[in-house]
Amino acid sequence: MNDIRYGLLLPGGAAQLEHRDAARAVATLAVTAEERGFDSVWLGDSLSRARVEPLTLLAAAAALTERITLGTAALIPAFRHPVQAAATLATLDQLAAGRLIIAVGAGFPELSRPEFDLVGVDYRTRFSQLDDTVALWRRLWTGNREPFHGKVLRYDWLPEVPRPHQVGGPPIWATGITPPALARTARLYDGWLPYPPDVDTFATALTEVRTATATAGRDEKAVTPALFATVFVTDDQDAGRDALERYCAATYRMPVAEVERIQVMMTGTAEDIAAHLDRYVRAGARHVLLRIAAVESGDFAIQLDRVCGLLRYLPVRRPQPQPSRG
């Protein structure tokens, strides 16, 4: 297990936006994460909640850092014009010198429907829209400007876009754990970023991905298995549950009891959380993203120190940056 990597989801939400220099502070936090031993930093994407724009902020982080991998967790491509997004991501990959991973999704079930309505994308075809967009990006990144006719996207003319630093473009990871999502991941994507609360569910789904990947004629290791986990480190279990409750209310407008049925939410001592994460690593996770369940910036700072301490309890890690596909 010498290839395990650990990432930190940067706080790009409403609490950090209270200050005019919030975006600069979040970008600088990428430097802190690099210095304190994380292998990657990530940002989410939303139109329904106040949040920094992830690609802009990652561009700033790329200029400030040297080693750490930069990623989206997860980008919702439907919010951006596909061709313009291809150019933006290629430019970002150049700025990061190939340290970019793009995890993509089709939004949170039902909660994202108003966002899709806002940008004029049919929510019912969101998965076809996603796969078409990724296929278009990869075509454009190789310099192929032939007409593109997908299930949803259709372009008779395409412009030239910048070539990414990574040959063929940065790795693109899929999210989701439903049978259709697993099948799409195996056929089309370079990584898998789920958040199942049950380790056995993760292990079973990963087996399905690997089997389907081989059936599609790809190396079963072509898909990087990852995990998205929300954590709050404390030796007071009640305080930890309260923190998760506040975070879920602020982020999803749902109680934690409902959210933790579909997402892995952890609270406890550093040793407790490390033991829980180790079960996922033993089940096959190779890149673990940690999201700190703190709404206020002050709480986040305290938790960051504790999560950095958590790293020393986690399975063996290799601190080098993730290699590019090229």
Protein backbone atom coordinates (compact mmCIF):
# COMPACT_ATOMS: atom_id res chain seq x y z
CA MET A 1 0.00 0.00 0.00
CA ASN A 2 2.81 2.41 -0.83
CA ASP A 3 0.81 4.36 -3.40
CA ILE A 4 -1.93 5.85 -1.20
CA ARG A 5 -2.53 9.58 -1.56
CA TYR A 6 -4.45 11.98 0.64
CA GLY A 7 -6.16 15.16 -0.43
CA LEU A 8 -7.81 18.12 1.27
CA LEU A 9 -11.01 19.74 0.05
CA LEU A 10 -10.42 23.48 0.27
CA PRO A 11 -13.17 25.50 1.96
CA GLY A 12 -14.82 27.52 -0.80
CA GLY A 13 -18.21 28.06 0.80
CA ALA A 14 -20.26 30.89 2.23
CA ALA A 15 -18.44 31.26 5.55
CA GLN A 16 -15.16 31.98 3.77
CA LEU A 17 -16.84 34.44 1.40
CA GLU A 18 -17.68 36.82 4.23
CA HIS A 19 -14.32 38.50 3.69
CA ARG A 20 -13.28 40.32 0.53
CA ASP A 21 -9.92 38.58 0.45
CA ALA A 22 -11.46 35.13 0.96
CA ALA A 23 -10.49 33.77 -2.46
CA ARG A 24 -6.85 34.77 -1.93
CA ALA A 25 -6.88 33.15 1.49
CA VAL A 26 -8.27 29.89 0.11
CA ALA A 27 -5.64 29.85 -2.66
CA THR A 28 -2.92 30.39 -0.06
CA LEU A 29 -4.35 27.48 1.90
CA ALA A 30 -3.23 25.24 -0.97
CA VAL A 31 0.34 26.22 -0.09
CA THR A 32 -0.31 25.31 3.54
CA ALA A 33 -1.69 21.93 2.49
CA GLU A 34 1.40 21.31 0.35
CA GLU A 35 3.72 22.25 3.21
CA ARG A 36 1.86 20.09 5.72
CA GLY A 37 2.01 16.87 3.75
CA PHE A 38 -1.15 16.57 1.68
CA ASP A 39 -0.77 15.12 -1.80
CA SER A 40 -3.65 17.06 -3.36
CA VAL A 41 -6.16 19.88 -2.86
CA TRP A 42 -9.65 20.01 -4.32
CA LEU A 43 -12.57 22.38 -4.82
CA GLY A 44 -16.26 21.75 -5.38
CA ASP A 45 -18.71 23.45 -7.72
CA SER A 46 -22.15 24.96 -7.17
CA LEU A 47 -24.52 27.63 -8.47
CA SER A 48 -27.14 27.33 -5.74
CA ARG A 49 -24.81 28.18 -2.86
CA ALA A 50 -22.31 31.00 -2.50
CA ARG A 51 -18.99 29.46 -3.46
CA VAL A 52 -15.72 30.56 -5.04
CA GLU A 53 -15.39 29.62 -8.71
CA PRO A 54 -13.19 26.50 -8.60
CA LEU A 55 -11.25 26.80 -11.86
CA THR A 56 -10.29 30.41 -11.21
CA LEU A 57 -9.10 29.59 -7.71
CA LEU A 58 -7.19 26.50 -8.82
CA ALA A 59 -5.38 28.66 -11.38
CA ALA A 60 -4.18 30.86 -8.53
CA ALA A 61 -3.21 27.79 -6.49
CA ALA A 62 -1.26 26.43 -9.47
CA ALA A 63 0.89 29.56 -9.50
CA LEU A 64 1.52 29.38 -5.75
CA THR A 65 2.39 25.67 -5.42
CA GLU A 66 5.03 23.35 -6.86
CA ARG A 67 4.27 19.73 -5.96
CA ILE A 68 0.68 19.26 -4.93
CA THR A 69 -1.97 17.88 -7.28
CA LEU A 70 -4.94 20.18 -7.98
CA GLY A 71 -8.41 18.78 -8.51
CA THR A 72 -12.13 19.44 -8.79
CA ALA A 73 -14.46 17.45 -6.54
CA ALA A 74 -16.57 17.64 -8.36
CA LEU A 75 -16.88 19.98 -11.33
CA ILE A 76 -20.32 20.11 -12.95
CA PRO A 77 -19.52 20.66 -16.65
CA ALA A 78 -23.12 21.56 -17.50
CA PHE A 79 -22.61 24.92 -15.81
CA ARG A 80 -20.12 25.97 -18.53
CA HIS A 81 -20.11 25.98 -22.31
CA PRO A 82 -18.31 22.75 -23.29
CA VAL A 83 -15.89 24.34 -25.76
CA GLN A 84 -15.00 27.23 -23.48
CA ALA A 85 -14.51 24.79 -20.60
CA ALA A 86 -12.12 22.72 -22.75
CA ALA A 87 -9.98 25.82 -23.32
CA THR A 88 -10.12 26.82 -19.66
CA LEU A 89 -9.12 23.38 -18.40
CA ALA A 90 -6.31 23.06 -20.92
CA THR A 91 -4.96 26.43 -19.80
CA LEU A 92 -5.26 25.42 -16.15
CA ASP A 93 -3.37 22.19 -16.85
CA GLN A 94 -0.60 24.26 -18.45
CA LEU A 95 -0.46 26.54 -15.41
CA ALA A 96 -0.27 23.50 -13.13
CA ALA A 97 2.38 21.83 -15.32
CA GLY A 98 0.28 18.68 -15.49
CA ARG A 99 -0.77 18.52 -11.84
CA LEU A 100 -4.50 18.62 -12.63
CA ILE A 101 -7.24 16.01 -12.09
CA ILE A 102 -10.83 16.74 -13.08
CA ALA A 103 -13.49 14.86 -11.15
CA VAL A 104 -16.85 15.56 -12.79
CA GLY A 105 -20.46 14.98 -11.86
CA ALA A 106 -24.02 15.62 -12.91
CA GLY A 107 -25.10 17.35 -9.72
CA PHE A 108 -26.65 16.27 -6.44
CA PRO A 109 -29.89 14.29 -7.03
CA GLU A 110 -32.84 16.70 -7.30
CA LEU A 111 -31.06 19.48 -5.37
CA SER A 112 -29.25 20.44 -8.59
CA ARG A 113 -32.37 20.59 -10.76
CA PRO A 114 -32.79 24.39 -10.30
CA GLU A 115 -29.15 24.89 -11.25
CA PHE A 116 -29.63 23.00 -14.52
CA ASP A 117 -32.78 25.02 -15.21
CA LEU A 118 -30.76 28.21 -14.63
CA VAL A 119 -28.15 27.32 -17.26
CA GLY A 120 -30.69 25.95 -19.72
CA VAL A 121 -29.59 22.30 -19.60
CA ASP A 122 -32.24 19.58 -19.48
CA TYR A 123 -31.88 17.87 -16.11
CA ARG A 124 -33.31 14.66 -17.58
CA THR A 125 -30.37 14.28 -20.00
CA ARG A 126 -27.67 15.34 -17.53
CA PHE A 127 -25.67 12.10 -17.76
CA SER A 128 -25.62 12.10 -21.56
CA GLN A 129 -24.65 15.77 -21.41
CA LEU A 130 -21.79 14.89 -19.06
CA ASP A 131 -20.42 12.04 -21.17
CA ASP A 132 -20.73 14.07 -24.37
CA THR A 133 -18.86 16.95 -22.79
CA VAL A 134 -15.99 14.74 -21.63
CA ALA A 135 -15.74 13.11 -25.05
CA LEU A 136 -15.69 16.54 -26.69
CA TRP A 137 -12.96 17.79 -24.34
CA ARG A 138 -10.73 14.84 -25.13
CA ARG A 139 -11.24 15.33 -28.84
CA LEU A 140 -10.43 19.02 -28.69
CA TRP A 141 -7.37 18.45 -26.50
CA THR A 142 -5.83 16.30 -29.23
CA GLY A 143 -6.42 18.98 -31.86
CA ASN A 144 -9.31 17.12 -33.54
CA ARG A 145 -11.78 19.72 -34.85
CA GLU A 146 -14.04 17.41 -36.82
CA PRO A 147 -17.81 17.87 -36.34
CA PHE A 148 -19.03 16.38 -33.06
CA HIS A 149 -22.41 14.64 -32.90
CA GLY A 150 -23.12 13.14 -29.51
CA LYS A 151 -26.35 12.13 -27.82
CA VAL A 152 -26.98 15.70 -26.64
CA LEU A 153 -24.19 17.92 -27.93
CA ARG A 154 -23.96 18.55 -31.66
CA TYR A 155 -21.41 20.86 -33.27
CA ASP A 156 -20.80 21.09 -37.01
CA TRP A 157 -17.85 23.42 -36.46
CA LEU A 158 -15.30 23.48 -33.68
CA PRO A 159 -12.47 25.91 -32.94
CA GLU A 160 -8.94 25.11 -31.92
CA VAL A 161 -8.26 25.16 -28.17
CA PRO A 162 -4.94 25.18 -26.26
CA ARG A 163 -3.22 21.83 -25.80
CA PRO A 164 -3.03 20.71 -22.15
CA HIS A 165 0.33 20.02 -20.52
CA GLN A 166 -0.67 16.35 -20.15
CA VAL A 167 -0.81 14.54 -23.47
CA GLY A 168 -4.46 13.89 -24.26
CA GLY A 169 -5.53 16.06 -21.36
CA PRO A 170 -5.75 15.68 -17.58
CA PRO A 171 -7.27 12.55 -16.04
CA ILE A 172 -11.05 12.76 -15.72
CA TRP A 173 -12.71 10.98 -12.82
CA ALA A 174 -16.38 10.06 -12.50
CA THR A 175 -18.56 10.12 -9.41
CA GLY A 176 -21.52 7.97 -8.46
CA ILE A 177 -22.13 4.40 -7.35
CA THR A 178 -25.33 3.33 -9.11
CA PRO A 179 -24.97 0.46 -11.61
CA PRO A 180 -25.21 2.82 -14.63
CA ALA A 181 -22.61 5.13 -13.05
CA LEU A 182 -20.22 2.24 -12.46
CA ALA A 183 -20.62 1.04 -16.04
CA ARG A 184 -19.97 4.53 -17.41
CA THR A 185 -16.93 4.90 -15.16
CA ALA A 186 -15.45 1.64 -16.40
CA ARG A 187 -15.91 2.52 -20.07
CA LEU A 188 -15.10 6.20 -20.20
CA TYR A 189 -13.23 7.57 -17.20
CA ASP A 190 -9.79 7.52 -15.59
CA GLY A 191 -10.84 7.48 -11.93
CA TRP A 192 -13.76 6.84 -9.63
CA LEU A 193 -14.63 9.18 -6.75
CA PRO A 194 -17.56 7.86 -4.67
CA TYR A 195 -18.58 8.49 -1.06
CA PRO A 196 -20.40 5.33 0.12
CA PRO A 197 -20.94 5.14 3.89
CA ASP A 198 -20.47 1.37 3.91
CA VAL A 199 -17.07 -0.20 3.21
CA ASP A 200 -18.60 -3.39 1.84
CA THR A 201 -20.63 -1.37 -0.67
CA PHE A 202 -17.42 0.37 -1.77
CA ALA A 203 -15.58 -2.93 -2.19
CA THR A 204 -18.41 -4.55 -4.15
CA ALA A 205 -18.76 -1.54 -6.44
CA LEU A 206 -15.01 -1.40 -7.05
CA THR A 207 -15.05 -5.05 -8.09
CA GLU A 208 -17.83 -4.21 -10.56
CA VAL A 209 -15.81 -1.31 -11.95
CA ARG A 210 -12.72 -3.46 -12.41
CA THR A 211 -14.68 -6.27 -14.06
CA ALA A 212 -16.46 -3.85 -16.41
CA THR A 213 -13.18 -2.10 -17.20
CA ALA A 214 -11.62 -5.38 -18.30
CA THR A 215 -14.74 -6.28 -20.29
CA ALA A 216 -14.43 -2.95 -22.11
CA GLY A 217 -10.92 -3.94 -23.20
CA ARG A 218 -9.11 -1.65 -20.78
CA ASP A 219 -6.52 -2.48 -18.13
CA GLU A 220 -8.44 -2.96 -14.88
CA LYS A 221 -6.01 -0.53 -13.25
CA ALA A 222 -6.93 2.18 -15.76
CA VAL A 223 -9.46 3.55 -13.27
CA THR A 224 -8.01 5.06 -10.07
CA PRO A 225 -10.20 4.14 -7.06
CA ALA A 226 -10.70 7.12 -4.75
CA LEU A 227 -12.88 8.05 -1.78
CA PHE A 228 -14.56 11.29 -0.72
CA ALA A 229 -14.92 11.38 3.08
CA THR A 230 -16.25 14.12 5.37
CA VAL A 231 -14.51 14.25 8.76
CA PHE A 232 -14.59 16.11 12.05
CA VAL A 233 -11.81 15.22 14.49
CA THR A 234 -12.71 15.38 18.18
CA ASP A 235 -12.63 13.27 21.31
CA ASP A 236 -16.16 14.47 22.17
CA GLN A 237 -18.60 12.34 20.20
CA ASP A 238 -21.57 14.59 20.94
CA ALA A 239 -19.68 17.67 19.75
CA GLY A 240 -18.68 15.79 16.62
CA ARG A 241 -22.26 14.85 15.83
CA ASP A 242 -23.35 18.44 16.39
CA ALA A 243 -20.66 19.64 13.97
CA LEU A 244 -21.78 17.16 11.31
CA GLU A 245 -25.38 18.26 11.87
CA ARG A 246 -24.50 21.92 11.30
CA TYR A 247 -22.43 21.11 8.25
CA CYS A 248 -25.13 19.02 6.59
CA ALA A 249 -27.76 21.67 7.30
CA ALA A 250 -25.58 24.39 5.77
CA THR A 251 -24.41 22.33 2.78
CA TYR A 252 -27.42 20.18 1.87
CA ARG A 253 -30.27 21.59 3.94
CA MET A 254 -30.69 18.06 5.29
CA PRO A 255 -30.12 16.43 8.71
CA VAL A 256 -26.96 14.38 9.12
CA ALA A 257 -29.03 11.23 9.65
CA GLU A 258 -30.30 11.56 6.09
CA VAL A 259 -26.99 12.56 4.50
CA GLU A 260 -24.97 9.79 6.15
CA ARG A 261 -27.19 7.19 4.51
CA ILE A 262 -25.56 8.10 1.19
CA GLN A 263 -22.23 9.68 2.19
CA VAL A 264 -19.41 8.64 4.48
CA MET A 265 -19.40 11.01 7.46
CA MET A 266 -16.82 10.42 10.19
CA THR A 267 -16.28 11.90 13.62
CA GLY A 268 -14.11 10.78 16.50
CA THR A 269 -10.48 10.86 17.53
CA ALA A 270 -7.72 10.91 14.92
CA GLU A 271 -7.05 7.24 15.67
CA ASP A 272 -10.74 6.34 15.24
CA ILE A 273 -11.05 8.12 11.90
CA ALA A 274 -7.75 6.69 10.67
CA ALA A 275 -8.95 3.18 11.50
CA HIS A 276 -12.18 3.80 9.58
CA LEU A 277 -10.32 5.18 6.56
CA ASP A 278 -7.90 2.25 6.68
CA ARG A 279 -10.82 -0.09 6.00
CA TYR A 280 -11.50 1.75 2.73
CA VAL A 281 -7.83 1.66 1.82
CA ARG A 282 -7.74 -2.08 2.41
CA ALA A 283 -10.85 -2.35 0.23
CA GLY A 284 -8.97 -0.66 -2.61
CA ALA A 285 -9.14 3.14 -2.23
CA ARG A 286 -5.94 4.74 -3.51
CA HIS A 287 -6.66 8.47 -3.27
CA VAL A 288 -8.60 9.64 -0.21
CA LEU A 289 -10.12 13.14 -0.22
CA LEU A 290 -10.86 14.60 3.19
CA ARG A 291 -13.55 17.25 3.54
CA ILE A 292 -13.55 19.01 6.91
CA ALA A 293 -17.06 19.38 8.33
CA ALA A 294 -16.62 22.96 9.55
CA VAL A 295 -18.94 25.79 8.59
CA GLU A 296 -17.06 28.68 10.19
CA SER A 297 -13.53 29.63 9.15
CA GLY A 298 -12.27 29.55 12.76
CA ASP A 299 -13.53 26.01 13.24
CA PHE A 300 -11.94 25.02 9.94
CA ALA A 301 -8.53 26.28 11.10
CA ILE A 302 -8.73 24.23 14.29
CA GLN A 303 -9.86 21.15 12.39
CA LEU A 304 -7.12 21.56 9.80
CA ASP A 305 -4.51 21.21 12.53
CA ARG A 306 -6.23 18.07 13.78
CA VAL A 307 -6.59 16.58 10.31
CA CYS A 308 -2.90 17.24 9.65
CA GLY A 309 -2.23 15.29 12.83
CA LEU A 310 -4.51 12.57 11.52
CA LEU A 311 -2.20 12.02 8.54
CA ARG A 312 0.44 10.33 10.68
CA TYR A 313 -2.03 7.60 11.65
CA LEU A 314 -3.04 6.82 8.06
CA PRO A 315 -1.70 3.97 5.89
CA VAL A 316 1.70 4.37 4.21
CA ARG A 317 1.78 7.24 1.72
CA ARG A 318 4.03 8.31 -1.09
CA PRO A 319 4.45 12.11 -1.02
CA GLN A 320 5.32 12.61 -4.70
CA PRO A 321 2.77 14.30 -6.99
CA GLN A 322 0.43 12.07 -9.02
CA PRO A 323 2.01 11.38 -12.42
CA SER A 324 0.30 12.66 -15.53
CA ARG A 325 -1.14 10.30 -18.10
CA GLY A 326 1.31 11.65 -20.65
